[in-house]
Amino acid sequence: MRDPVSVPFSEWDGEHARHLTVAPDGSVYVVPSGTHERLHQLVVGNSAIGAQFDGPTGTKVELALAGWVQLQSDQLIDRVNVDAPDGFDDTELVRTFARMHEAGSIAVALHPSGEVRTCTIPELSLPGNGDRVPISLGDEN
C-alpha cells in the first residue's frame, strides 16, 4: 500500500453534497462529479488493481478495492448508490446521505465480493466483518 494520500478535496462538513468519498481512515470528503478520476490517479495511480478481480471495473470500483467508499446521488432517480470495500459498515453515514437526498432506496455494491445490497433506508445493514482495505495496490506499472 502506498503512503497516505494528500486529498485535494474539502472535508465534508455535513452540508448537502451529491458525491462523498470516505478514506480508509474514516475521513469524509466532498469529491465533485467528474473529479473521481483525479482521486483515482492519486490513490491507485497506474496499478492494475481491477485486473486482479473478475467482475465490474471502473474508477469507483477500483477506489473501493483500494479501501475508499463512494456515495453518490444523481438526483434523477429515487436511490443513492454506494461503492464500498468488503467490510464497510458505516450504516449511519449511508442513511444520513440517503435522507439528505430524500432517497427511497439504497444500492450498496461491495468489492471485491460483488455482493449488492438494495434496500430502503430503515432496512439497511452492512456486514462489518472484513478488512476495510481488502487488497494491496502493489507496484505501479
C-alpha atoms as a PDB file:
ATOM      1  CA  MET A   1       0.000   0.000   0.000  1.00  0.00           C
ATOM      2  CA  ARG A   2       1.176   3.478  -0.746  1.00  0.00           C
ATOM      3  CA  ASP A   3       1.852   6.202   1.746  1.00  0.00           C
ATOM      4  CA  PRO A   4      -1.232   8.150   2.886  1.00  0.00           C
ATOM      5  CA  VAL A   5      -2.703  10.278   0.129  1.00  0.00           C
ATOM      6  CA  SER A   6      -2.941  14.037   0.440  1.00  0.00           C
ATOM      7  CA  VAL A   7      -6.546  14.547  -0.656  1.00  0.00           C
ATOM      8  CA  PRO A   8      -7.083  17.771  -2.624  1.00  0.00           C
ATOM      9  CA  PHE A   9     -10.795  17.953  -1.744  1.00  0.00           C
ATOM     10  CA  SER A  10     -12.666  19.608   1.101  1.00  0.00           C
ATOM     11  CA  GLU A  11     -13.612  17.582   4.133  1.00  0.00           C
ATOM     12  CA  TRP A  12     -17.362  17.141   4.392  1.00  0.00           C
ATOM     13  CA  ASP A  13     -18.973  19.450   6.943  1.00  0.00           C
ATOM     14  CA  GLY A  14     -22.428  17.858   6.914  1.00  0.00           C
ATOM     15  CA  GLU A  15     -23.851  20.110   4.224  1.00  0.00           C
ATOM     16  CA  HIS A  16     -25.712  18.744   1.191  1.00  0.00           C
ATOM     17  CA  ALA A  17     -23.359  17.146  -1.344  1.00  0.00           C
ATOM     18  CA  ARG A  18     -24.065  14.893  -4.338  1.00  0.00           C
ATOM     19  CA  HIS A  19     -20.842  12.883  -4.015  1.00  0.00           C
ATOM     20  CA  LEU A  20     -18.961  11.888  -0.879  1.00  0.00           C
ATOM     21  CA  THR A  21     -15.813   9.840  -0.515  1.00  0.00           C
ATOM     22  CA  VAL A  22     -14.728   8.090   2.671  1.00  0.00           C
ATOM     23  CA  ALA A  23     -10.997   7.481   3.027  1.00  0.00           C
ATOM     24  CA  PRO A  24      -9.728   4.307   4.706  1.00  0.00           C
ATOM     25  CA  ASP A  25      -9.030   6.365   7.848  1.00  0.00           C
ATOM     26  CA  GLY A  26     -12.716   7.397   8.030  1.00  0.00           C
ATOM     27  CA  SER A  27     -12.269  10.982   6.801  1.00  0.00           C
ATOM     28  CA  VAL A  28     -15.154  12.084   4.584  1.00  0.00           C
ATOM     29  CA  TYR A  29     -14.525  14.341   1.584  1.00  0.00           C
ATOM     30  CA  VAL A  30     -16.692  16.101  -0.981  1.00  0.00           C
ATOM     31  CA  VAL A  31     -15.497  14.934  -4.392  1.00  0.00           C
ATOM     32  CA  PRO A  32     -17.389  16.813  -7.094  1.00  0.00           C
ATOM     33  CA  SER A  33     -18.839  14.947 -10.045  1.00  0.00           C
ATOM     34  CA  GLY A  34     -16.236  14.409 -12.730  1.00  0.00           C
ATOM     35  CA  THR A  35     -13.246  14.529 -10.372  1.00  0.00           C
ATOM     36  CA  HIS A  36     -13.198  10.907  -9.229  1.00  0.00           C
ATOM     37  CA  GLU A  37     -10.598  10.264 -11.929  1.00  0.00           C
ATOM     38  CA  ARG A  38      -8.302  12.742 -10.166  1.00  0.00           C
ATOM     39  CA  LEU A  39      -8.792  10.931  -6.848  1.00  0.00           C
ATOM     40  CA  HIS A  40      -8.258   7.599  -8.615  1.00  0.00           C
ATOM     41  CA  GLN A  41      -4.930   8.816 -10.024  1.00  0.00           C
ATOM     42  CA  LEU A  42      -3.796   9.920  -6.549  1.00  0.00           C
ATOM     43  CA  VAL A  43      -4.887   6.710  -4.785  1.00  0.00           C
ATOM     44  CA  VAL A  44      -4.486   3.976  -7.376  1.00  0.00           C
ATOM     45  CA  GLY A  45      -2.194   5.538  -9.959  1.00  0.00           C
ATOM     46  CA  ASN A  46      -1.288   3.167 -12.744  1.00  0.00           C
ATOM     47  CA  SER A  47      -1.676  -0.025 -10.713  1.00  0.00           C
ATOM     48  CA  ALA A  48      -3.605  -2.761 -12.474  1.00  0.00           C
ATOM     49  CA  ILE A  49      -5.833  -3.153  -9.421  1.00  0.00           C
ATOM     50  CA  GLY A  50      -9.028  -4.046 -11.313  1.00  0.00           C
ATOM     51  CA  ALA A  51      -7.280  -6.706 -13.376  1.00  0.00           C
ATOM     52  CA  GLN A  52      -6.852  -8.798 -10.206  1.00  0.00           C
ATOM     53  CA  PHE A  53     -10.596  -9.480  -9.958  1.00  0.00           C
ATOM     54  CA  ASP A  54     -13.450 -10.759 -12.075  1.00  0.00           C
ATOM     55  CA  GLY A  55     -16.455  -8.505 -12.142  1.00  0.00           C
ATOM     56  CA  PRO A  56     -17.220  -4.886 -12.810  1.00  0.00           C
ATOM     57  CA  THR A  57     -14.395  -2.404 -13.222  1.00  0.00           C
ATOM     58  CA  GLY A  58     -14.120   1.344 -13.324  1.00  0.00           C
ATOM     59  CA  THR A  59     -12.877   4.277 -11.320  1.00  0.00           C
ATOM     60  CA  LYS A  60     -15.239   3.916  -8.351  1.00  0.00           C
ATOM     61  CA  VAL A  61     -14.828   0.138  -8.213  1.00  0.00           C
ATOM     62  CA  GLU A  62     -11.040   0.440  -8.174  1.00  0.00           C
ATOM     63  CA  LEU A  63     -11.240   3.077  -5.438  1.00  0.00           C
ATOM     64  CA  ALA A  64     -13.398   0.669  -3.412  1.00  0.00           C
ATOM     65  CA  LEU A  65     -10.875  -2.117  -3.971  1.00  0.00           C
ATOM     66  CA  ALA A  66      -8.257   0.245  -2.503  1.00  0.00           C
ATOM     67  CA  GLY A  67     -10.414   0.809   0.603  1.00  0.00           C
ATOM     68  CA  TRP A  68     -12.225   4.027  -0.374  1.00  0.00           C
ATOM     69  CA  VAL A  69     -16.028   4.398  -0.305  1.00  0.00           C
ATOM     70  CA  GLN A  70     -18.008   6.356  -2.905  1.00  0.00           C
ATOM     71  CA  LEU A  71     -21.522   7.639  -2.125  1.00  0.00           C
ATOM     72  CA  GLN A  72     -23.443   9.292  -4.926  1.00  0.00           C
ATOM     73  CA  SER A  73     -26.838  10.624  -5.868  1.00  0.00           C
ATOM     74  CA  ASP A  74     -27.548  11.609  -9.430  1.00  0.00           C
ATOM     75  CA  GLN A  75     -30.851  13.226  -8.413  1.00  0.00           C
ATOM     76  CA  LEU A  76     -32.547  11.560 -11.380  1.00  0.00           C
ATOM     77  CA  ILE A  77     -33.754   8.508  -9.510  1.00  0.00           C
ATOM     78  CA  ASP A  78     -35.045   7.876  -6.006  1.00  0.00           C
ATOM     79  CA  ARG A  79     -31.925   5.926  -4.977  1.00  0.00           C
ATOM     80  CA  VAL A  80     -28.394   6.574  -3.771  1.00  0.00           C
ATOM     81  CA  ASN A  81     -25.546   4.360  -4.925  1.00  0.00           C
ATOM     82  CA  VAL A  82     -22.569   3.286  -2.873  1.00  0.00           C
ATOM     83  CA  ASP A  83     -19.409   1.501  -3.983  1.00  0.00           C
ATOM     84  CA  ALA A  84     -17.548   0.230  -0.926  1.00  0.00           C
ATOM     85  CA  PRO A  85     -14.919  -2.301   0.056  1.00  0.00           C
ATOM     86  CA  ASP A  86     -15.977  -5.531   1.719  1.00  0.00           C
ATOM     87  CA  GLY A  87     -16.139  -4.882   5.445  1.00  0.00           C
ATOM     88  CA  PHE A  88     -17.502  -1.329   5.187  1.00  0.00           C
ATOM     89  CA  ASP A  89     -20.080  -0.942   7.936  1.00  0.00           C
ATOM     90  CA  ASP A  90     -20.877   2.770   8.391  1.00  0.00           C
ATOM     91  CA  THR A  91     -24.641   2.371   8.011  1.00  0.00           C
ATOM     92  CA  GLU A  92     -25.316   5.688   9.748  1.00  0.00           C
ATOM     93  CA  LEU A  93     -23.324   7.677   7.171  1.00  0.00           C
ATOM     94  CA  VAL A  94     -25.114   5.898   4.315  1.00  0.00           C
ATOM     95  CA  ARG A  95     -28.508   6.517   5.954  1.00  0.00           C
ATOM     96  CA  THR A  96     -27.667  10.189   6.545  1.00  0.00           C
ATOM     97  CA  PHE A  97     -26.607  10.577   2.920  1.00  0.00           C
ATOM     98  CA  ALA A  98     -29.792   8.854   1.699  1.00  0.00           C
ATOM     99  CA  ARG A  99     -32.001  11.072   3.872  1.00  0.00           C
ATOM    100  CA  MET A 100     -30.118  14.140   2.643  1.00  0.00           C
ATOM    101  CA  HIS A 101     -31.194  13.208  -0.891  1.00  0.00           C
ATOM    102  CA  GLU A 102     -34.699  12.102   0.083  1.00  0.00           C
ATOM    103  CA  ALA A 103     -33.890   8.707  -1.377  1.00  0.00           C
ATOM    104  CA  GLY A 104     -36.393   5.904  -1.155  1.00  0.00           C
ATOM    105  CA  SER A 105     -33.774   3.213  -1.636  1.00  0.00           C
ATOM    106  CA  ILE A 106     -30.080   2.492  -1.361  1.00  0.00           C
ATOM    107  CA  ALA A 107     -27.879   0.277  -3.529  1.00  0.00           C
ATOM    108  CA  VAL A 108     -24.579  -0.745  -1.947  1.00  0.00           C
ATOM    109  CA  ALA A 109     -22.091  -2.638  -4.110  1.00  0.00           C
ATOM    110  CA  LEU A 110     -19.330  -4.293  -2.087  1.00  0.00           C
ATOM    111  CA  HIS A 111     -15.989  -5.077  -3.691  1.00  0.00           C
ATOM    112  CA  PRO A 112     -14.282  -7.470  -4.333  1.00  0.00           C
ATOM    113  CA  SER A 113     -17.065  -9.866  -3.229  1.00  0.00           C
ATOM    114  CA  GLY A 114     -19.513  -8.408  -5.758  1.00  0.00           C
ATOM    115  CA  GLU A 115     -22.331  -8.502  -3.216  1.00  0.00           C
ATOM    116  CA  VAL A 116     -25.007  -5.882  -3.922  1.00  0.00           C
ATOM    117  CA  ARG A 117     -27.492  -4.865  -1.262  1.00  0.00           C
ATOM    118  CA  THR A 118     -30.570  -2.959  -2.350  1.00  0.00           C
ATOM    119  CA  CYS A 119     -32.890  -1.804   0.381  1.00  0.00           C
ATOM    120  CA  THR A 120     -34.794   1.069   1.879  1.00  0.00           C
ATOM    121  CA  ILE A 121     -33.176   3.364   4.428  1.00  0.00           C
ATOM    122  CA  PRO A 122     -34.543   1.686   7.573  1.00  0.00           C
ATOM    123  CA  GLU A 123     -33.681  -1.805   6.268  1.00  0.00           C
ATOM    124  CA  LEU A 124     -30.017  -1.023   5.623  1.00  0.00           C
ATOM    125  CA  SER A 125     -27.476  -3.158   7.418  1.00  0.00           C
ATOM    126  CA  LEU A 126     -23.909  -3.638   6.290  1.00  0.00           C
ATOM    127  CA  PRO A 127     -21.670  -6.541   7.213  1.00  0.00           C
ATOM    128  CA  GLY A 128     -18.745  -5.157   9.169  1.00  0.00           C
ATOM    129  CA  ASN A 129     -16.795  -8.369   9.056  1.00  0.00           C
ATOM    130  CA  GLY A 130     -13.771  -7.857   6.930  1.00  0.00           C
ATOM    131  CA  ASP A 131     -10.665  -5.929   6.146  1.00  0.00           C
ATOM    132  CA  ARG A 132     -11.622  -2.362   5.262  1.00  0.00           C
ATOM    133  CA  VAL A 133      -8.745  -2.196   2.775  1.00  0.00           C
ATOM    134  CA  PRO A 134      -9.223  -5.517   1.001  1.00  0.00           C
ATOM    135  CA  ILE A 135      -6.212  -5.588  -1.324  1.00  0.00           C
ATOM    136  CA  SER A 136      -2.753  -4.198  -1.803  1.00  0.00           C
ATOM    137  CA  LEU A 137      -2.185  -1.836  -4.688  1.00  0.00           C
ATOM    138  CA  GLY A 138       1.154  -3.465  -5.403  1.00  0.00           C
ATOM    139  CA  ASP A 139       3.696  -1.845  -7.659  1.00  0.00           C
ATOM    140  CA  GLU A 140       2.707   0.764 -10.178  1.00  0.00           C
ATOM    141  CA  ASN A 141       3.110  -0.068 -13.834  1.00  0.00           C
END
